[in-house]
Amino acid sequence: MRTLVSKFVLNALIICAFAIGVCSCKAWRTITTTSSYVQQNDSAKVTTTISSKTVEEYTGVKKH
């Protein structure tokens, strides 16, 4: 009897976790930006590059 109750509780927890997982979703977006500029005078030429990377995370909920 005790194992039957523990199996029931375990199955109920699994079903609840699955239901929560189905109702929401996650998405990620990565934005990479690169900018370069050249500084030049009579004797030297210097190129500078600046890069940035942003990762955005979205969590959605299914509408009922």
PDB file of N, CA and C in Angstrom:
ATOM      1  N   MET A   1       0.820  -1.199   0.000  1.00  0.00           N
ATOM      2  CA  MET A   1       0.000   0.000   0.000  1.00  0.00           C
ATOM      3  C   MET A   1       0.858   1.255   0.000  1.00  0.00           C
ATOM      4  N   ARG A   2       1.957   1.225   0.776  1.00  0.00           N
ATOM      5  CA  ARG A   2       2.819   2.406   0.880  1.00  0.00           C
ATOM      6  C   ARG A   2       3.499   2.706  -0.456  1.00  0.00           C
ATOM      7  N   THR A   3       3.938   1.693  -1.177  1.00  0.00           N
ATOM      8  CA  THR A   3       4.585   1.927  -2.465  1.00  0.00           C
ATOM      9  C   THR A   3       3.580   2.426  -3.495  1.00  0.00           C
ATOM     10  N   LEU A   4       2.331   1.992  -3.378  1.00  0.00           N
ATOM     11  CA  LEU A   4       1.309   2.476  -4.293  1.00  0.00           C
ATOM     12  C   LEU A   4       1.072   3.971  -4.106  1.00  0.00           C
ATOM     13  N   VAL A   5       1.039   4.434  -2.858  1.00  0.00           N
ATOM     14  CA  VAL A   5       0.862   5.853  -2.571  1.00  0.00           C
ATOM     15  C   VAL A   5       2.073   6.649  -3.046  1.00  0.00           C
ATOM     16  N   SER A   6       3.284   6.138  -2.799  1.00  0.00           N
ATOM     17  CA  SER A   6       4.481   6.866  -3.220  1.00  0.00           C
ATOM     18  C   SER A   6       4.575   6.927  -4.743  1.00  0.00           C
ATOM     19  N   LYS A   7       4.149   5.883  -5.459  1.00  0.00           N
ATOM     20  CA  LYS A   7       4.133   5.929  -6.923  1.00  0.00           C
ATOM     21  C   LYS A   7       3.118   6.958  -7.415  1.00  0.00           C
ATOM     22  N   PHE A   8       1.971   7.003  -6.734  1.00  0.00           N
ATOM     23  CA  PHE A   8       0.955   7.987  -7.110  1.00  0.00           C
ATOM     24  C   PHE A   8       1.470   9.406  -6.932  1.00  0.00           C
ATOM     25  N   VAL A   9       2.122   9.663  -5.808  1.00  0.00           N
ATOM     26  CA  VAL A   9       2.665  10.998  -5.534  1.00  0.00           C
ATOM     27  C   VAL A   9       3.743  11.346  -6.560  1.00  0.00           C
ATOM     28  N   LEU A  10       4.618  10.406  -6.876  1.00  0.00           N
ATOM     29  CA  LEU A  10       5.670  10.640  -7.868  1.00  0.00           C
ATOM     30  C   LEU A  10       5.067  10.940  -9.232  1.00  0.00           C
ATOM     31  N   ASN A  11       4.077  10.168  -9.637  1.00  0.00           N
ATOM     32  CA  ASN A  11       3.425  10.412 -10.927  1.00  0.00           C
ATOM     33  C   ASN A  11       2.719  11.769 -10.946  1.00  0.00           C
ATOM     34  N   ALA A  12       2.097  12.140  -9.841  1.00  0.00           N
ATOM     35  CA  ALA A  12       1.432  13.439  -9.767  1.00  0.00           C
ATOM     36  C   ALA A  12       2.443  14.573  -9.913  1.00  0.00           C
ATOM     37  N   LEU A  13       3.604  14.444  -9.292  1.00  0.00           N
ATOM     38  CA  LEU A  13       4.648  15.471  -9.419  1.00  0.00           C
ATOM     39  C   LEU A  13       5.169  15.565 -10.845  1.00  0.00           C
ATOM     40  N   ILE A  14       5.347  14.436 -11.490  1.00  0.00           N
ATOM     41  CA  ILE A  14       5.821  14.430 -12.883  1.00  0.00           C
ATOM     42  C   ILE A  14       4.796  15.096 -13.793  1.00  0.00           C
ATOM     43  N   ILE A  15       3.528  14.800 -13.590  1.00  0.00           N
ATOM     44  CA  ILE A  15       2.477  15.401 -14.413  1.00  0.00           C
ATOM     45  C   ILE A  15       2.405  16.912 -14.184  1.00  0.00           C
ATOM     46  N   CYS A  16       2.560  17.357 -12.953  1.00  0.00           N
ATOM     47  CA  CYS A  16       2.554  18.797 -12.659  1.00  0.00           C
ATOM     48  C   CYS A  16       3.743  19.500 -13.311  1.00  0.00           C
ATOM     49  N   ALA A  17       4.909  18.890 -13.240  1.00  0.00           N
ATOM     50  CA  ALA A  17       6.100  19.481 -13.857  1.00  0.00           C
ATOM     51  C   ALA A  17       5.925  19.570 -15.366  1.00  0.00           C
ATOM     52  N   PHE A  18       5.354  18.545 -15.964  1.00  0.00           N
ATOM     53  CA  PHE A  18       5.111  18.560 -17.403  1.00  0.00           C
ATOM     54  C   PHE A  18       4.108  19.646 -17.782  1.00  0.00           C
ATOM     55  N   ALA A  19       3.040  19.787 -16.987  1.00  0.00           N
ATOM     56  CA  ALA A  19       2.017  20.804 -17.270  1.00  0.00           C
ATOM     57  C   ALA A  19       2.598  22.205 -17.182  1.00  0.00           C
ATOM     58  N   ILE A  20       3.453  22.446 -16.214  1.00  0.00           N
ATOM     59  CA  ILE A  20       4.085  23.761 -16.086  1.00  0.00           C
ATOM     60  C   ILE A  20       5.012  24.012 -17.269  1.00  0.00           C
ATOM     61  N   GLY A  21       5.748  22.995 -17.684  1.00  0.00           N
ATOM     62  CA  GLY A  21       6.665  23.131 -18.808  1.00  0.00           C
ATOM     63  C   GLY A  21       5.957  23.393 -20.118  1.00  0.00           C
ATOM     64  N   VAL A  22       4.774  22.841 -20.306  1.00  0.00           N
ATOM     65  CA  VAL A  22       4.024  23.031 -21.546  1.00  0.00           C
ATOM     66  C   VAL A  22       3.450  24.448 -21.623  1.00  0.00           C
ATOM     67  N   CYS A  23       3.153  25.046 -20.505  1.00  0.00           N
ATOM     68  CA  CYS A  23       2.495  26.347 -20.487  1.00  0.00           C
ATOM     69  C   CYS A  23       3.455  27.516 -20.676  1.00  0.00           C
ATOM     70  N   SER A  24       4.729  27.302 -20.638  1.00  0.00           N
ATOM     71  CA  SER A  24       5.666  28.406 -20.797  1.00  0.00           C
ATOM     72  C   SER A  24       6.773  28.004 -21.762  1.00  0.00           C
ATOM     73  N   CYS A  25       7.452  29.004 -22.281  1.00  0.00           N
ATOM     74  CA  CYS A  25       8.569  28.724 -23.175  1.00  0.00           C
ATOM     75  C   CYS A  25       9.627  29.808 -22.984  1.00  0.00           C
ATOM     76  N   LYS A  26      10.832  29.491 -23.384  1.00  0.00           N
ATOM     77  CA  LYS A  26      11.933  30.454 -23.306  1.00  0.00           C
ATOM     78  C   LYS A  26      12.554  30.604 -24.686  1.00  0.00           C
ATOM     79  N   ALA A  27      13.011  31.805 -24.963  1.00  0.00           N
ATOM     80  CA  ALA A  27      13.694  32.090 -26.216  1.00  0.00           C
ATOM     81  C   ALA A  27      14.870  33.007 -25.914  1.00  0.00           C
ATOM     82  N   TRP A  28      15.924  32.841 -26.678  1.00  0.00           N
ATOM     83  CA  TRP A  28      17.114  33.681 -26.520  1.00  0.00           C
ATOM     84  C   TRP A  28      17.405  34.367 -27.836  1.00  0.00           C
ATOM     85  N   ARG A  29      17.884  35.592 -27.730  1.00  0.00           N
ATOM     86  CA  ARG A  29      18.295  36.352 -28.906  1.00  0.00           C
ATOM     87  C   ARG A  29      19.673  36.919 -28.628  1.00  0.00           C
ATOM     88  N   THR A  30      20.589  36.725 -29.558  1.00  0.00           N
ATOM     89  CA  THR A  30      21.949  37.237 -29.418  1.00  0.00           C
ATOM     90  C   THR A  30      22.139  38.373 -30.424  1.00  0.00           C
ATOM     91  N   ILE A  31      22.589  39.514 -29.917  1.00  0.00           N
ATOM     92  CA  ILE A  31      22.834  40.683 -30.755  1.00  0.00           C
ATOM     93  C   ILE A  31      24.327  40.987 -30.694  1.00  0.00           C
ATOM     94  N   THR A  32      24.964  40.992 -31.854  1.00  0.00           N
ATOM     95  CA  THR A  32      26.394  41.296 -31.942  1.00  0.00           C
ATOM     96  C   THR A  32      26.562  42.571 -32.768  1.00  0.00           C
ATOM     97  N   THR A  33      27.292  43.525 -32.221  1.00  0.00           N
ATOM     98  CA  THR A  33      27.540  44.794 -32.899  1.00  0.00           C
ATOM     99  C   THR A  33      29.042  45.006 -33.003  1.00  0.00           C
ATOM    100  N   THR A  34      29.482  45.395 -34.193  1.00  0.00           N
ATOM    101  CA  THR A  34      30.897  45.671 -34.420  1.00  0.00           C
ATOM    102  C   THR A  34      31.025  47.041 -35.080  1.00  0.00           C
ATOM    103  N   SER A  35      31.961  47.831 -34.575  1.00  0.00           N
ATOM    104  CA  SER A  35      32.209  49.156 -35.129  1.00  0.00           C
ATOM    105  C   SER A  35      33.724  49.339 -35.275  1.00  0.00           C
ATOM    106  N   SER A  36      34.145  49.884 -36.404  1.00  0.00           N
ATOM    107  CA  SER A  36      35.578  50.117 -36.647  1.00  0.00           C
ATOM    108  C   SER A  36      35.796  51.549 -37.105  1.00  0.00           C
ATOM    109  N   TYR A  37      36.908  52.081 -36.699  1.00  0.00           N
ATOM    110  CA  TYR A  37      37.293  53.379 -37.244  1.00  0.00           C
ATOM    111  C   TYR A  37      38.803  53.418 -37.421  1.00  0.00           C
ATOM    112  N   VAL A  38      39.241  54.266 -38.369  1.00  0.00           N
ATOM    113  CA  VAL A  38      40.658  54.382 -38.722  1.00  0.00           C
ATOM    114  C   VAL A  38      41.124  55.786 -38.389  1.00  0.00           C
ATOM    115  N   GLN A  39      42.231  55.859 -37.653  1.00  0.00           N
ATOM    116  CA  GLN A  39      42.847  57.153 -37.338  1.00  0.00           C
ATOM    117  C   GLN A  39      44.185  57.180 -38.079  1.00  0.00           C
ATOM    118  N   GLN A  40      44.349  58.176 -38.913  1.00  0.00           N
ATOM    119  CA  GLN A  40      45.536  58.202 -39.763  1.00  0.00           C
ATOM    120  C   GLN A  40      46.168  59.599 -39.733  1.00  0.00           C
ATOM    121  N   ASN A  41      47.498  59.597 -39.582  1.00  0.00           N
ATOM    122  CA  ASN A  41      48.241  60.840 -39.733  1.00  0.00           C
ATOM    123  C   ASN A  41      49.359  60.601 -40.742  1.00  0.00           C
ATOM    124  N   ASP A  42      50.338  61.473 -40.802  1.00  0.00           N
ATOM    125  CA  ASP A  42      51.382  61.362 -41.834  1.00  0.00           C
ATOM    126  C   ASP A  42      52.237  60.111 -41.701  1.00  0.00           C
ATOM    127  N   SER A  43      52.465  59.628 -40.475  1.00  0.00           N
ATOM    128  CA  SER A  43      53.389  58.513 -40.303  1.00  0.00           C
ATOM    129  C   SER A  43      52.747  57.223 -39.789  1.00  0.00           C
ATOM    130  N   ALA A  44      51.497  57.246 -39.382  1.00  0.00           N
ATOM    131  CA  ALA A  44      50.895  56.043 -38.798  1.00  0.00           C
ATOM    132  C   ALA A  44      49.418  55.938 -39.167  1.00  0.00           C
ATOM    133  N   LYS A  45      48.983  54.719 -39.166  1.00  0.00           N
ATOM    134  CA  LYS A  45      47.579  54.435 -39.419  1.00  0.00           C
ATOM    135  C   LYS A  45      47.128  53.439 -38.339  1.00  0.00           C
ATOM    136  N   VAL A  46      46.137  53.817 -37.546  1.00  0.00           N
ATOM    137  CA  VAL A  46      45.663  52.982 -36.447  1.00  0.00           C
ATOM    138  C   VAL A  46      44.201  52.639 -36.697  1.00  0.00           C
ATOM    139  N   THR A  47      43.892  51.333 -36.683  1.00  0.00           N
ATOM    140  CA  THR A  47      42.519  50.869 -36.831  1.00  0.00           C
ATOM    141  C   THR A  47      42.050  50.331 -35.480  1.00  0.00           C
ATOM    142  N   THR A  48      40.916  50.818 -35.036  1.00  0.00           N
ATOM    143  CA  THR A  48      40.341  50.372 -33.772  1.00  0.00           C
ATOM    144  C   THR A  48      38.982  49.726 -34.054  1.00  0.00           C
ATOM    145  N   THR A  49      38.778  48.560 -33.465  1.00  0.00           N
ATOM    146  CA  THR A  49      37.515  47.838 -33.630  1.00  0.00           C
ATOM    147  C   THR A  49      36.905  47.593 -32.259  1.00  0.00           C
ATOM    148  N   ILE A  50      35.642  47.930 -32.136  1.00  0.00           N
ATOM    149  CA  ILE A  50      34.909  47.717 -30.895  1.00  0.00           C
ATOM    150  C   ILE A  50      33.782  46.733 -31.185  1.00  0.00           C
ATOM    151  N   SER A  51      33.722  45.661 -30.403  1.00  0.00           N
ATOM    152  CA  SER A  51      32.670  44.656 -30.575  1.00  0.00           C
ATOM    153  C   SER A  51      31.919  44.475 -29.262  1.00  0.00           C
ATOM    154  N   SER A  52      30.620  44.273 -29.378  1.00  0.00           N
ATOM    155  CA  SER A  52      29.823  43.988 -28.191  1.00  0.00           C
ATOM    156  C   SER A  52      28.841  42.870 -28.518  1.00  0.00           C
ATOM    157  N   LYS A  53      28.514  42.095 -27.510  1.00  0.00           N
ATOM    158  CA  LYS A  53      27.586  40.980 -27.672  1.00  0.00           C
ATOM    159  C   LYS A  53      26.586  41.028 -26.521  1.00  0.00           C
ATOM    160  N   THR A  54      25.314  41.031 -26.859  1.00  0.00           N
ATOM    161  CA  THR A  54      24.256  41.068 -25.859  1.00  0.00           C
ATOM    162  C   THR A  54      23.357  39.856 -26.065  1.00  0.00           C
ATOM    163  N   VAL A  55      23.078  39.142 -24.988  1.00  0.00           N
ATOM    164  CA  VAL A  55      22.170  38.001 -25.047  1.00  0.00           C
ATOM    165  C   VAL A  55      20.921  38.364 -24.249  1.00  0.00           C
ATOM    166  N   GLU A  56      19.776  38.302 -24.923  1.00  0.00           N
ATOM    167  CA  GLU A  56      18.500  38.614 -24.277  1.00  0.00           C
ATOM    168  C   GLU A  56      17.712  37.329 -24.118  1.00  0.00           C
ATOM    169  N   GLU A  57      17.065  37.184 -22.970  1.00  0.00           N
ATOM    170  CA  GLU A  57      16.256  36.008 -22.699  1.00  0.00           C
ATOM    171  C   GLU A  57      14.813  36.433 -22.503  1.00  0.00           C
ATOM    172  N   TYR A  58      13.923  35.725 -23.161  1.00  0.00           N
ATOM    173  CA  TYR A  58      12.494  35.998 -23.052  1.00  0.00           C
ATOM    174  C   TYR A  58      11.797  34.764 -22.499  1.00  0.00           C
ATOM    175  N   THR A  59      10.892  34.956 -21.574  1.00  0.00           N
ATOM    176  CA  THR A  59      10.081  33.875 -21.053  1.00  0.00           C
ATOM    177  C   THR A  59       8.634  34.180 -21.380  1.00  0.00           C
ATOM    178  N   GLY A  60       8.036  33.297 -22.146  1.00  0.00           N
ATOM    179  CA  GLY A  60       6.659  33.500 -22.552  1.00  0.00           C
ATOM    180  C   GLY A  60       5.719  32.583 -21.791  1.00  0.00           C
ATOM    181  N   VAL A  61       4.480  33.000 -21.709  1.00  0.00           N
ATOM    182  CA  VAL A  61       3.444  32.198 -21.067  1.00  0.00           C
ATOM    183  C   VAL A  61       2.323  32.011 -22.076  1.00  0.00           C
ATOM    184  N   LYS A  62       1.861  30.789 -22.213  1.00  0.00           N
ATOM    185  CA  LYS A  62       0.804  30.478 -23.146  1.00  0.00           C
ATOM    186  C   LYS A  62      -0.504  31.113 -22.674  1.00  0.00           C
ATOM    187  N   LYS A  63      -1.178  31.820 -23.605  1.00  0.00           N
ATOM    188  CA  LYS A  63      -2.439  32.468 -23.259  1.00  0.00           C
ATOM    189  C   LYS A  63      -3.554  31.436 -23.262  1.00  0.00           C
ATOM    190  N   HIS A  64      -4.477  31.620 -22.362  1.00  0.00           N
ATOM    191  CA  HIS A  64      -5.607  30.678 -22.264  1.00  0.00           C
ATOM    192  C   HIS A  64      -6.827  31.223 -22.924  1.00  0.00           C
TER     193      HIS A  64
END
